[in-house]
């Protein structure tokens, strides 16, 4: 796991090493098993990401292998994040250290939950993803450089074009994905508006 700071504000570029997780249709039940949904906060979920898969593979799972520790870019295949719509799945990935996901395709709700956390999910063809995975596995210490506008990734002297929906691209690069930060930045305006509301005036008067 990494101690990299959580995303904040506009996200235009992401740099980091990759962890490769091969396989299609990896669902949210595998990303974070159901027994961990009882947590009061998301804070401890990073240690439990892929808990059952990691237990079965006894240290051979990519998230346990020493060469991938500290990675922040997850490279997956088709239909990643399918299954139940639990927001715990991207929360667990975020707390493990993942800041961007590259893949062939993503489940719609998982994609939206990632966007709300500032985790870009960028797509590429099956051929390109396979090439990126091979390049990442061949040079585990190399940094990937990912840009969101235009959407592309560079690794070990190679470059691949990526796809990112225009609305998601705008939200990420402008910082609009961060709803809490936007609210806090408008605190004075919100306070002034609330003060003008009749029911808030009655509440303040007791």
N, C-alpha and C. Protein backbone atom coordinates (compact mmCIF):
# COMPACT_ATOMS: atom_id res chain seq x y z
N UNK A 1 0.84 -1.20 0.00
CA UNK A 1 0.00 0.00 0.00
C UNK A 1 0.87 1.25 0.00
N UNK A 2 0.32 2.34 -0.52
CA UNK A 2 1.05 3.59 -0.59
C UNK A 2 0.40 4.63 0.31
N UNK A 3 1.17 5.64 0.70
CA UNK A 3 0.63 6.71 1.52
C UNK A 3 0.43 7.98 0.71
N UNK A 4 0.33 7.85 -0.61
CA UNK A 4 0.13 9.01 -1.48
C UNK A 4 -1.14 9.74 -1.09
N UNK A 5 -1.13 11.07 -1.16
CA UNK A 5 -2.32 11.84 -0.78
C UNK A 5 -3.50 11.55 -1.70
N UNK A 6 -4.68 11.70 -1.16
CA UNK A 6 -5.89 11.50 -1.96
C UNK A 6 -6.00 12.59 -3.01
N UNK A 7 -6.72 12.32 -4.10
CA UNK A 7 -6.89 13.34 -5.14
C UNK A 7 -7.57 14.59 -4.60
N UNK A 8 -7.24 15.72 -5.17
CA UNK A 8 -7.86 16.98 -4.78
C UNK A 8 -7.81 17.94 -5.96
N UNK A 9 -8.92 18.65 -6.19
CA UNK A 9 -8.95 19.65 -7.25
C UNK A 9 -8.85 19.05 -8.64
N UNK A 10 -8.34 19.84 -9.57
CA UNK A 10 -8.27 19.41 -10.96
C UNK A 10 -7.25 18.30 -11.13
N UNK A 11 -7.55 17.35 -12.00
CA UNK A 11 -6.67 16.24 -12.30
C UNK A 11 -6.40 16.26 -13.80
N UNK A 12 -5.20 16.59 -14.18
CA UNK A 12 -4.83 16.71 -15.58
C UNK A 12 -3.86 15.61 -15.98
N UNK A 13 -2.93 15.29 -15.08
CA UNK A 13 -1.94 14.24 -15.34
C UNK A 13 -1.78 13.38 -14.09
N UNK A 14 -1.45 12.11 -14.32
CA UNK A 14 -1.17 11.19 -13.22
C UNK A 14 0.12 10.45 -13.57
N UNK A 15 1.03 10.38 -12.63
CA UNK A 15 2.29 9.66 -12.84
C UNK A 15 2.41 8.58 -11.77
N UNK A 16 2.87 7.43 -12.15
CA UNK A 16 3.07 6.38 -11.17
C UNK A 16 3.39 5.05 -11.82
N UNK A 17 3.79 4.11 -10.99
CA UNK A 17 4.05 2.76 -11.47
C UNK A 17 2.74 1.98 -11.57
N UNK A 18 2.75 0.94 -12.38
CA UNK A 18 1.53 0.19 -12.66
C UNK A 18 1.52 -1.14 -11.93
N UNK A 19 0.32 -1.57 -11.57
CA UNK A 19 0.08 -2.94 -11.13
C UNK A 19 -0.89 -3.54 -12.15
N UNK A 20 -0.55 -4.68 -12.68
CA UNK A 20 -1.34 -5.33 -13.74
C UNK A 20 -2.21 -6.41 -13.12
N UNK A 21 -3.50 -6.34 -13.41
CA UNK A 21 -4.44 -7.35 -12.92
C UNK A 21 -5.20 -7.89 -14.13
N UNK A 22 -4.83 -9.07 -14.57
CA UNK A 22 -5.43 -9.64 -15.78
C UNK A 22 -6.73 -10.38 -15.46
N UNK A 23 -7.63 -10.40 -16.45
CA UNK A 23 -8.89 -11.12 -16.31
C UNK A 23 -10.08 -10.24 -16.62
N UNK A 24 -11.08 -10.82 -17.26
CA UNK A 24 -12.31 -10.11 -17.58
C UNK A 24 -13.35 -10.29 -16.48
N UNK A 25 -14.30 -9.36 -16.42
CA UNK A 25 -15.46 -9.47 -15.53
C UNK A 25 -15.08 -9.61 -14.06
N UNK A 26 -14.06 -8.89 -13.63
CA UNK A 26 -13.71 -8.87 -12.21
C UNK A 26 -14.71 -7.97 -11.51
N UNK A 27 -15.53 -8.57 -10.65
CA UNK A 27 -16.65 -7.82 -10.08
C UNK A 27 -16.31 -7.20 -8.73
N UNK A 28 -17.25 -6.39 -8.23
CA UNK A 28 -17.02 -5.66 -6.98
C UNK A 28 -16.98 -6.60 -5.78
N UNK A 29 -17.61 -7.78 -5.89
CA UNK A 29 -17.53 -8.75 -4.80
C UNK A 29 -16.10 -9.26 -4.63
N UNK A 30 -15.37 -9.33 -5.72
CA UNK A 30 -13.97 -9.75 -5.64
C UNK A 30 -13.09 -8.59 -5.20
N UNK A 31 -13.42 -7.38 -5.66
CA UNK A 31 -12.61 -6.22 -5.27
C UNK A 31 -12.66 -6.02 -3.76
N UNK A 32 -13.85 -6.09 -3.18
CA UNK A 32 -13.99 -5.99 -1.73
C UNK A 32 -15.14 -6.91 -1.30
N UNK A 33 -14.84 -8.04 -0.67
CA UNK A 33 -15.87 -9.01 -0.29
C UNK A 33 -16.94 -8.40 0.62
N UNK A 34 -18.14 -8.99 0.57
CA UNK A 34 -19.31 -8.42 1.23
C UNK A 34 -19.14 -8.26 2.74
N UNK A 35 -18.35 -9.10 3.39
CA UNK A 35 -18.24 -9.01 4.85
C UNK A 35 -17.59 -7.71 5.30
N UNK A 36 -16.91 -7.03 4.39
CA UNK A 36 -16.26 -5.77 4.75
C UNK A 36 -17.19 -4.56 4.57
N UNK A 37 -18.41 -4.80 4.11
CA UNK A 37 -19.34 -3.69 3.91
C UNK A 37 -19.91 -3.18 5.22
N UNK A 38 -19.67 -3.90 6.30
CA UNK A 38 -20.19 -3.49 7.61
C UNK A 38 -19.35 -2.41 8.26
N UNK A 39 -18.27 -2.01 7.61
CA UNK A 39 -17.37 -1.03 8.20
C UNK A 39 -18.08 0.30 8.44
N UNK A 40 -17.68 0.99 9.51
CA UNK A 40 -18.27 2.29 9.84
C UNK A 40 -17.67 3.38 8.96
N UNK A 41 -16.38 3.29 8.66
CA UNK A 41 -15.72 4.21 7.73
C UNK A 41 -15.00 3.38 6.67
N UNK A 42 -14.51 4.06 5.64
CA UNK A 42 -13.78 3.39 4.56
C UNK A 42 -12.29 3.24 4.88
N UNK A 43 -11.83 3.78 5.99
CA UNK A 43 -10.40 3.93 6.23
C UNK A 43 -9.59 2.64 6.13
N UNK A 44 -10.14 1.53 6.62
CA UNK A 44 -9.36 0.30 6.64
C UNK A 44 -9.53 -0.60 5.44
N UNK A 45 -10.26 -0.14 4.44
CA UNK A 45 -10.59 -1.01 3.31
C UNK A 45 -9.39 -1.31 2.41
N UNK A 46 -8.40 -0.43 2.38
CA UNK A 46 -7.26 -0.66 1.50
C UNK A 46 -6.56 -1.98 1.78
N UNK A 47 -6.45 -2.33 3.05
CA UNK A 47 -5.76 -3.57 3.41
C UNK A 47 -6.57 -4.80 3.02
N UNK A 48 -7.86 -4.62 2.77
CA UNK A 48 -8.73 -5.77 2.48
C UNK A 48 -9.10 -5.90 1.00
N UNK A 49 -8.58 -5.02 0.15
CA UNK A 49 -8.93 -5.09 -1.27
C UNK A 49 -8.49 -6.44 -1.84
N UNK A 50 -9.37 -7.09 -2.59
CA UNK A 50 -9.13 -8.42 -3.16
C UNK A 50 -8.77 -9.45 -2.07
N UNK A 51 -9.36 -9.32 -0.90
CA UNK A 51 -8.99 -10.15 0.25
C UNK A 51 -9.07 -11.65 -0.06
N UNK A 52 -10.17 -12.09 -0.67
CA UNK A 52 -10.33 -13.53 -0.91
C UNK A 52 -9.38 -14.02 -2.00
N UNK A 53 -9.26 -13.25 -3.08
CA UNK A 53 -8.33 -13.63 -4.15
C UNK A 53 -6.91 -13.71 -3.62
N UNK A 54 -6.52 -12.76 -2.80
CA UNK A 54 -5.16 -12.73 -2.26
C UNK A 54 -4.91 -13.90 -1.31
N UNK A 55 -5.95 -14.24 -0.54
CA UNK A 55 -5.81 -15.38 0.36
C UNK A 55 -5.63 -16.68 -0.42
N UNK A 56 -6.40 -16.84 -1.50
CA UNK A 56 -6.31 -18.05 -2.31
C UNK A 56 -4.95 -18.16 -3.01
N UNK A 57 -4.41 -17.02 -3.42
CA UNK A 57 -3.16 -17.05 -4.19
C UNK A 57 -1.91 -17.00 -3.32
N UNK A 58 -2.08 -16.88 -2.00
CA UNK A 58 -1.00 -17.03 -1.03
C UNK A 58 0.26 -16.23 -1.39
N UNK A 59 0.05 -14.93 -1.55
CA UNK A 59 1.18 -14.04 -1.79
C UNK A 59 1.54 -13.81 -3.24
N UNK A 60 0.88 -14.53 -4.16
CA UNK A 60 1.18 -14.39 -5.58
C UNK A 60 0.26 -13.40 -6.30
N UNK A 61 -0.77 -12.94 -5.62
CA UNK A 61 -1.67 -11.94 -6.22
C UNK A 61 -0.87 -10.66 -6.48
N UNK A 62 -1.16 -9.98 -7.60
CA UNK A 62 -0.41 -8.75 -7.90
C UNK A 62 -0.38 -7.73 -6.75
N UNK A 63 -1.46 -7.65 -5.99
CA UNK A 63 -1.50 -6.67 -4.91
C UNK A 63 -0.64 -7.08 -3.71
N UNK A 64 -0.11 -8.29 -3.74
CA UNK A 64 0.79 -8.75 -2.69
C UNK A 64 2.24 -8.82 -3.14
N UNK A 65 2.46 -8.84 -4.44
CA UNK A 65 3.82 -9.02 -4.95
C UNK A 65 4.67 -7.77 -4.68
N UNK A 66 5.89 -7.96 -4.20
CA UNK A 66 6.72 -6.82 -3.78
C UNK A 66 6.98 -5.80 -4.88
N UNK A 67 7.09 -6.25 -6.13
CA UNK A 67 7.42 -5.31 -7.21
C UNK A 67 6.28 -4.34 -7.52
N UNK A 68 5.08 -4.64 -7.02
CA UNK A 68 3.94 -3.76 -7.29
C UNK A 68 3.56 -2.88 -6.10
N UNK A 69 4.26 -3.03 -4.99
CA UNK A 69 3.93 -2.21 -3.83
C UNK A 69 4.23 -0.74 -4.14
N UNK A 70 3.30 0.12 -3.80
CA UNK A 70 3.46 1.54 -4.09
C UNK A 70 2.95 1.94 -5.46
N UNK A 71 2.43 0.98 -6.23
CA UNK A 71 1.88 1.31 -7.55
C UNK A 71 0.61 2.14 -7.39
N UNK A 72 0.37 3.01 -8.36
CA UNK A 72 -0.82 3.87 -8.29
C UNK A 72 -1.68 3.79 -9.54
N UNK A 73 -1.23 3.01 -10.54
CA UNK A 73 -1.98 2.85 -11.79
C UNK A 73 -2.37 1.38 -11.92
N UNK A 74 -3.67 1.12 -12.01
CA UNK A 74 -4.16 -0.25 -12.15
C UNK A 74 -4.53 -0.49 -13.61
N UNK A 75 -3.99 -1.55 -14.19
CA UNK A 75 -4.27 -1.87 -15.60
C UNK A 75 -5.04 -3.18 -15.65
N UNK A 76 -6.28 -3.12 -16.11
CA UNK A 76 -7.20 -4.26 -16.09
C UNK A 76 -7.68 -4.57 -17.50
N UNK A 77 -8.64 -5.49 -17.59
CA UNK A 77 -9.15 -5.88 -18.90
C UNK A 77 -10.61 -5.45 -19.08
N UNK A 78 -11.49 -6.36 -19.47
CA UNK A 78 -12.85 -5.99 -19.88
C UNK A 78 -13.85 -6.10 -18.74
N UNK A 79 -14.79 -5.12 -18.70
CA UNK A 79 -15.93 -5.12 -17.79
C UNK A 79 -15.49 -5.15 -16.33
N UNK A 80 -14.48 -4.37 -16.01
CA UNK A 80 -13.98 -4.31 -14.64
C UNK A 80 -14.97 -3.57 -13.75
N UNK A 81 -15.20 -4.10 -12.54
CA UNK A 81 -16.10 -3.45 -11.59
C UNK A 81 -17.56 -3.80 -11.79
N UNK A 82 -17.84 -4.89 -12.49
CA UNK A 82 -19.23 -5.31 -12.70
C UNK A 82 -19.79 -5.88 -11.39
N UNK A 83 -21.05 -6.29 -11.40
CA UNK A 83 -21.66 -6.86 -10.20
C UNK A 83 -22.39 -5.81 -9.38
N UNK A 84 -22.45 -6.01 -8.08
CA UNK A 84 -23.20 -5.11 -7.21
C UNK A 84 -22.60 -3.71 -7.21
N UNK A 85 -23.44 -2.73 -6.92
CA UNK A 85 -23.04 -1.32 -7.10
C UNK A 85 -22.42 -0.73 -5.84
N UNK A 86 -21.61 -1.49 -5.13
CA UNK A 86 -21.06 -0.99 -3.87
C UNK A 86 -19.96 0.05 -4.10
N UNK A 87 -20.12 1.19 -3.43
CA UNK A 87 -19.09 2.23 -3.53
C UNK A 87 -17.82 1.86 -2.78
N UNK A 88 -17.91 0.80 -1.96
CA UNK A 88 -16.75 0.35 -1.22
C UNK A 88 -15.62 -0.12 -2.15
N UNK A 89 -15.96 -0.58 -3.35
CA UNK A 89 -14.94 -1.11 -4.27
C UNK A 89 -13.93 -0.03 -4.68
N UNK A 90 -14.36 1.09 -5.25
CA UNK A 90 -13.37 2.13 -5.56
C UNK A 90 -12.75 2.76 -4.31
N UNK A 91 -13.51 2.78 -3.21
CA UNK A 91 -12.94 3.29 -1.96
C UNK A 91 -11.77 2.43 -1.51
N UNK A 92 -11.91 1.11 -1.64
CA UNK A 92 -10.84 0.19 -1.24
C UNK A 92 -9.62 0.36 -2.15
N UNK A 93 -9.86 0.49 -3.45
CA UNK A 93 -8.75 0.69 -4.39
C UNK A 93 -8.02 2.01 -4.08
N UNK A 94 -8.79 3.05 -3.82
CA UNK A 94 -8.22 4.37 -3.51
C UNK A 94 -7.33 4.29 -2.27
N UNK A 95 -7.80 3.58 -1.25
CA UNK A 95 -7.05 3.50 0.00
C UNK A 95 -5.86 2.55 -0.08
N UNK A 96 -5.86 1.66 -1.07
CA UNK A 96 -4.66 0.87 -1.32
C UNK A 96 -3.59 1.72 -1.99
N UNK A 97 -4.05 2.73 -2.76
CA UNK A 97 -3.11 3.62 -3.43
C UNK A 97 -3.39 3.85 -4.90
N UNK A 98 -4.46 3.26 -5.44
CA UNK A 98 -4.77 3.41 -6.86
C UNK A 98 -5.33 4.80 -7.14
N UNK A 99 -4.75 5.48 -8.13
CA UNK A 99 -5.19 6.83 -8.49
C UNK A 99 -5.77 6.90 -9.89
N UNK A 100 -5.56 5.87 -10.72
CA UNK A 100 -6.13 5.84 -12.06
C UNK A 100 -6.22 4.39 -12.50
N UNK A 101 -7.26 4.08 -13.30
CA UNK A 101 -7.45 2.72 -13.80
C UNK A 101 -7.50 2.77 -15.32
N UNK A 102 -6.72 1.91 -15.96
CA UNK A 102 -6.76 1.75 -17.41
C UNK A 102 -7.37 0.39 -17.71
N UNK A 103 -8.28 0.33 -18.67
CA UNK A 103 -8.90 -0.95 -18.99
C UNK A 103 -9.62 -0.92 -20.32
N UNK A 104 -10.09 -2.09 -20.75
CA UNK A 104 -10.85 -2.17 -21.99
C UNK A 104 -12.24 -1.57 -21.80
N UNK A 105 -12.88 -1.87 -20.67
CA UNK A 105 -14.22 -1.33 -20.38
C UNK A 105 -14.50 -1.48 -18.89
N UNK A 106 -15.47 -0.68 -18.42
CA UNK A 106 -15.82 -0.65 -17.00
C UNK A 106 -17.34 -0.73 -16.83
N UNK A 107 -17.77 -1.33 -15.73
CA UNK A 107 -19.19 -1.29 -15.40
C UNK A 107 -19.59 0.15 -15.12
N UNK A 108 -20.78 0.53 -15.55
CA UNK A 108 -21.19 1.93 -15.51
C UNK A 108 -21.21 2.51 -14.11
N UNK A 109 -21.77 1.77 -13.15
CA UNK A 109 -21.87 2.31 -11.78
C UNK A 109 -20.49 2.41 -11.15
N UNK A 110 -19.65 1.41 -11.38
CA UNK A 110 -18.28 1.47 -10.86
C UNK A 110 -17.55 2.68 -11.44
N UNK A 111 -17.71 2.92 -12.73
CA UNK A 111 -17.10 4.06 -13.40
C UNK A 111 -17.54 5.36 -12.72
N UNK A 112 -18.85 5.49 -12.46
CA UNK A 112 -19.37 6.70 -11.82
C UNK A 112 -18.87 6.87 -10.40
N UNK A 113 -18.78 5.76 -9.66
CA UNK A 113 -18.27 5.83 -8.29
C UNK A 113 -16.80 6.25 -8.27
N UNK A 114 -16.03 5.77 -9.24
CA UNK A 114 -14.63 6.18 -9.34
C UNK A 114 -14.52 7.67 -9.66
N UNK A 115 -15.35 8.13 -10.58
CA UNK A 115 -15.33 9.55 -10.97
C UNK A 115 -15.61 10.44 -9.77
N UNK A 116 -16.53 10.02 -8.90
CA UNK A 116 -16.88 10.80 -7.72
C UNK A 116 -15.74 10.88 -6.72
N UNK A 117 -14.76 9.97 -6.85
CA UNK A 117 -13.59 9.98 -5.97
C UNK A 117 -12.36 10.60 -6.64
N UNK A 118 -12.50 11.01 -7.89
CA UNK A 118 -11.35 11.55 -8.60
C UNK A 118 -10.42 10.48 -9.12
N UNK A 119 -10.95 9.29 -9.40
CA UNK A 119 -10.16 8.21 -9.98
C UNK A 119 -10.54 8.11 -11.46
N UNK A 120 -9.73 8.58 -12.38
CA UNK A 120 -10.06 8.46 -13.81
C UNK A 120 -10.03 7.00 -14.24
N UNK A 121 -11.04 6.61 -15.02
CA UNK A 121 -11.08 5.28 -15.64
C UNK A 121 -10.98 5.49 -17.15
N UNK A 122 -9.83 5.21 -17.71
CA UNK A 122 -9.57 5.45 -19.12
C UNK A 122 -9.56 4.13 -19.88
N UNK A 123 -10.05 4.17 -21.12
CA UNK A 123 -10.20 2.96 -21.90
C UNK A 123 -9.26 2.92 -23.10
N UNK A 124 -8.97 1.69 -23.52
CA UNK A 124 -8.20 1.46 -24.73
C UNK A 124 -8.65 0.13 -25.31
N UNK A 125 -8.26 -0.14 -26.53
CA UNK A 125 -8.63 -1.39 -27.17
C UNK A 125 -7.99 -2.57 -26.46
N UNK A 126 -8.52 -3.76 -26.72
CA UNK A 126 -7.97 -4.98 -26.15
C UNK A 126 -6.50 -5.14 -26.51
N UNK A 127 -6.16 -4.85 -27.76
CA UNK A 127 -4.77 -4.96 -28.21
C UNK A 127 -3.87 -3.99 -27.47
N UNK A 128 -4.32 -2.74 -27.33
CA UNK A 128 -3.50 -1.74 -26.66
C UNK A 128 -3.34 -2.05 -25.18
N UNK A 129 -4.42 -2.48 -24.54
CA UNK A 129 -4.33 -2.82 -23.12
C UNK A 129 -3.35 -3.97 -22.91
N UNK A 130 -3.40 -4.96 -23.79
CA UNK A 130 -2.47 -6.08 -23.68
C UNK A 130 -1.03 -5.58 -23.82
N UNK A 131 -0.79 -4.66 -24.74
CA UNK A 131 0.55 -4.11 -24.92
C UNK A 131 0.98 -3.32 -23.69
N UNK A 132 0.07 -2.53 -23.12
CA UNK A 132 0.39 -1.76 -21.92
C UNK A 132 0.71 -2.69 -20.76
N UNK A 133 -0.09 -3.75 -20.62
CA UNK A 133 0.15 -4.71 -19.55
C UNK A 133 1.51 -5.39 -19.71
N UNK A 134 1.83 -5.79 -20.93
CA UNK A 134 3.11 -6.43 -21.16
C UNK A 134 4.27 -5.47 -20.87
N UNK A 135 4.12 -4.23 -21.31
CA UNK A 135 5.18 -3.25 -21.08
C UNK A 135 5.35 -2.97 -19.58
N UNK A 136 4.24 -2.89 -18.87
CA UNK A 136 4.29 -2.63 -17.44
C UNK A 136 4.92 -3.79 -16.68
N UNK A 137 4.59 -5.01 -17.09
CA UNK A 137 5.17 -6.19 -16.44
C UNK A 137 6.66 -6.33 -16.73
N UNK A 138 7.06 -5.87 -17.91
CA UNK A 138 8.47 -5.97 -18.29
C UNK A 138 9.34 -4.93 -17.61
N UNK A 139 8.72 -3.84 -17.16
CA UNK A 139 9.49 -2.76 -16.51
C UNK A 139 8.72 -2.25 -15.30
N UNK A 140 8.69 -3.06 -14.25
CA UNK A 140 7.88 -2.75 -13.06
C UNK A 140 8.30 -1.45 -12.38
N UNK A 141 9.55 -1.06 -12.55
CA UNK A 141 10.04 0.15 -11.89
C UNK A 141 9.80 1.42 -12.71
N UNK A 142 9.33 1.27 -13.93
CA UNK A 142 9.13 2.43 -14.80
C UNK A 142 7.85 3.17 -14.45
N UNK A 143 7.90 4.47 -14.60
CA UNK A 143 6.74 5.33 -14.33
C UNK A 143 5.88 5.48 -15.58
N UNK A 144 4.59 5.36 -15.41
CA UNK A 144 3.66 5.69 -16.48
C UNK A 144 3.31 7.16 -16.36
N UNK A 145 3.17 7.82 -17.47
CA UNK A 145 2.72 9.20 -17.51
C UNK A 145 1.38 9.24 -18.24
N UNK A 146 0.34 9.59 -17.52
CA UNK A 146 -1.01 9.56 -18.09
C UNK A 146 -1.56 10.97 -18.14
N UNK A 147 -1.99 11.39 -19.31
CA UNK A 147 -2.62 12.70 -19.46
C UNK A 147 -4.10 12.49 -19.75
N UNK A 148 -4.91 13.42 -19.26
CA UNK A 148 -6.34 13.32 -19.46
C UNK A 148 -6.83 14.14 -20.64
N UNK A 149 -6.04 15.14 -21.05
CA UNK A 149 -6.45 15.98 -22.17
C UNK A 149 -5.21 16.44 -22.94
N UNK A 150 -4.88 15.73 -24.05
CA UNK A 150 -5.60 14.58 -24.60
C UNK A 150 -5.33 13.32 -23.79
N UNK A 151 -6.25 12.38 -23.86
CA UNK A 151 -6.13 11.15 -23.08
C UNK A 151 -5.10 10.22 -23.72
N UNK A 152 -4.03 9.95 -22.99
CA UNK A 152 -2.95 9.11 -23.51
C UNK A 152 -2.09 8.64 -22.36
N UNK A 153 -1.32 7.58 -22.61
CA UNK A 153 -0.38 7.06 -21.62
C UNK A 153 0.95 6.80 -22.29
N UNK A 154 2.03 7.13 -21.59
CA UNK A 154 3.38 6.87 -22.06
C UNK A 154 4.10 5.98 -21.06
N UNK A 155 4.83 5.01 -21.58
CA UNK A 155 5.57 4.09 -20.74
C UNK A 155 6.75 3.53 -21.52
N UNK A 156 7.94 3.65 -20.95
CA UNK A 156 9.15 3.07 -21.54
C UNK A 156 9.32 3.44 -23.01
N UNK A 157 9.10 4.72 -23.34
CA UNK A 157 9.29 5.19 -24.70
C UNK A 157 8.16 4.89 -25.65
N UNK A 158 7.09 4.28 -25.16
CA UNK A 158 5.94 3.99 -26.00
C UNK A 158 4.75 4.85 -25.58
N UNK A 159 3.85 5.09 -26.52
CA UNK A 159 2.68 5.93 -26.25
C UNK A 159 1.43 5.28 -26.82
N UNK A 160 0.36 5.30 -26.06
CA UNK A 160 -0.92 4.76 -26.50
C UNK A 160 -2.00 5.81 -26.28
N UNK A 161 -2.86 5.97 -27.27
CA UNK A 161 -4.01 6.85 -27.12
C UNK A 161 -5.06 6.15 -26.26
N UNK A 162 -5.73 6.91 -25.43
CA UNK A 162 -6.78 6.39 -24.55
C UNK A 162 -8.09 7.08 -24.85
N UNK A 163 -9.17 6.54 -24.32
CA UNK A 163 -10.49 7.17 -24.46
C UNK A 163 -11.02 7.55 -23.09
N UNK A 164 -11.55 8.75 -23.03
CA UNK A 164 -12.19 9.26 -21.81
C UNK A 164 -13.37 10.10 -22.23
N UNK A 165 -14.55 9.77 -21.73
CA UNK A 165 -15.76 10.50 -22.09
C UNK A 165 -15.59 11.99 -21.82
N UNK A 166 -16.11 12.82 -22.72
CA UNK A 166 -15.89 14.26 -22.63
C UNK A 166 -16.43 14.85 -21.33
N UNK A 167 -17.57 14.34 -20.83
CA UNK A 167 -18.11 14.89 -19.59
C UNK A 167 -17.22 14.54 -18.41
N UNK A 168 -16.71 13.30 -18.38
CA UNK A 168 -15.80 12.91 -17.31
C UNK A 168 -14.49 13.69 -17.40
N UNK A 169 -14.00 13.87 -18.62
CA UNK A 169 -12.77 14.63 -18.83
C UNK A 169 -12.92 16.05 -18.29
N UNK A 170 -14.05 16.68 -18.58
CA UNK A 170 -14.29 18.05 -18.12
C UNK A 170 -14.36 18.11 -16.60
N UNK A 171 -15.07 17.16 -15.99
CA UNK A 171 -15.20 17.16 -14.53
C UNK A 171 -13.85 16.98 -13.84
N UNK A 172 -13.03 16.08 -14.38
CA UNK A 172 -11.75 15.79 -13.75
C UNK A 172 -10.76 16.93 -13.93
N UNK A 173 -10.64 17.44 -15.15
CA UNK A 173 -9.64 18.48 -15.42
C UNK A 173 -10.02 19.83 -14.84
N UNK A 174 -11.30 20.06 -14.60
CA UNK A 174 -11.75 21.33 -14.02
C UNK A 174 -11.87 21.26 -12.50
N UNK A 175 -11.85 20.04 -11.95
CA UNK A 175 -12.02 19.87 -10.52
C UNK A 175 -13.47 19.75 -10.10
N UNK A 176 -14.41 19.74 -11.06
CA UNK A 176 -15.83 19.67 -10.73
C UNK A 176 -16.23 18.32 -10.13
N UNK A 177 -15.38 17.29 -10.28
CA UNK A 177 -15.69 15.99 -9.69
C UNK A 177 -15.72 16.09 -8.16
N UNK A 178 -14.98 17.05 -7.59
CA UNK A 178 -14.82 17.16 -6.14
C UNK A 178 -15.93 18.03 -5.56
N UNK A 179 -17.09 17.42 -5.33
CA UNK A 179 -18.26 18.17 -4.88
C UNK A 179 -18.03 18.81 -3.51
N UNK A 180 -17.36 18.11 -2.61
CA UNK A 180 -17.12 18.65 -1.27
C UNK A 180 -16.24 19.89 -1.34
N UNK A 181 -15.19 19.82 -2.15
CA UNK A 181 -14.28 20.96 -2.29
C UNK A 181 -15.01 22.16 -2.89
N UNK A 182 -15.91 21.90 -3.83
CA UNK A 182 -16.67 22.99 -4.43
C UNK A 182 -17.58 23.65 -3.40
N UNK A 183 -18.21 22.85 -2.57
CA UNK A 183 -19.09 23.41 -1.53
C UNK A 183 -18.28 24.27 -0.55
N UNK A 184 -17.14 23.75 -0.13
CA UNK A 184 -16.31 24.49 0.82
C UNK A 184 -15.81 25.81 0.23
N UNK A 185 -15.52 25.80 -1.07
CA UNK A 185 -15.03 27.02 -1.71
C UNK A 185 -16.12 28.09 -1.83
N UNK A 186 -17.37 27.67 -1.72
CA UNK A 186 -18.50 28.60 -1.83
C UNK A 186 -19.16 28.83 -0.47
N UNK A 187 -18.39 28.66 0.60
CA UNK A 187 -18.98 28.72 1.94
C UNK A 187 -19.67 30.05 2.21
N UNK A 188 -19.03 31.15 1.84
CA UNK A 188 -19.63 32.46 2.13
C UNK A 188 -20.94 32.65 1.38
N UNK A 189 -20.96 32.26 0.09
CA UNK A 189 -22.18 32.39 -0.70
C UNK A 189 -23.29 31.51 -0.15
N UNK A 190 -22.93 30.29 0.26
CA UNK A 190 -23.94 29.37 0.81
C UNK A 190 -24.50 29.89 2.13
N UNK A 191 -23.60 30.42 2.97
CA UNK A 191 -24.04 30.96 4.26
C UNK A 191 -24.97 32.15 4.06
N UNK A 192 -24.63 33.02 3.11
CA UNK A 192 -25.47 34.20 2.84
C UNK A 192 -26.83 33.78 2.29
N UNK A 193 -26.85 32.79 1.41
CA UNK A 193 -28.12 32.31 0.86
C UNK A 193 -28.97 31.69 1.95
N UNK A 194 -28.35 30.88 2.81
CA UNK A 194 -29.09 30.25 3.90
C UNK A 194 -29.69 31.29 4.84
N UNK A 195 -28.95 32.36 5.06
CA UNK A 195 -29.43 33.40 5.99
C UNK A 195 -30.67 34.10 5.45
N UNK A 196 -30.86 34.09 4.14
CA UNK A 196 -32.01 34.77 3.53
C UNK A 196 -33.25 33.89 3.50
N UNK A 197 -33.11 32.62 3.78
CA UNK A 197 -34.25 31.71 3.72
C UNK A 197 -35.14 31.92 4.94
N UNK A 198 -36.46 32.11 4.73
CA UNK A 198 -37.37 32.40 5.86
C UNK A 198 -37.29 31.36 6.98
N UNK A 199 -37.28 30.08 6.64
CA UNK A 199 -37.28 29.07 7.71
C UNK A 199 -35.96 29.05 8.47
N UNK A 200 -34.84 29.44 7.80
CA UNK A 200 -33.58 29.54 8.52
C UNK A 200 -33.58 30.74 9.46
N UNK A 201 -34.26 31.84 9.05
CA UNK A 201 -34.37 33.01 9.90
C UNK A 201 -35.19 32.70 11.15
N UNK A 202 -36.27 31.91 10.97
CA UNK A 202 -37.09 31.52 12.12
C UNK A 202 -36.29 30.61 13.05
N UNK A 203 -35.50 29.73 12.46
CA UNK A 203 -34.68 28.81 13.26
C UNK A 203 -33.65 29.58 14.08
N UNK A 204 -33.01 30.60 13.45
CA UNK A 204 -31.99 31.39 14.13
C UNK A 204 -32.60 32.22 15.26
N UNK A 205 -33.85 32.65 15.07
CA UNK A 205 -34.52 33.47 16.08
C UNK A 205 -34.99 32.63 17.27
N UNK A 206 -34.98 31.31 17.10
CA UNK A 206 -35.40 30.42 18.20
C UNK A 206 -36.90 30.26 18.20
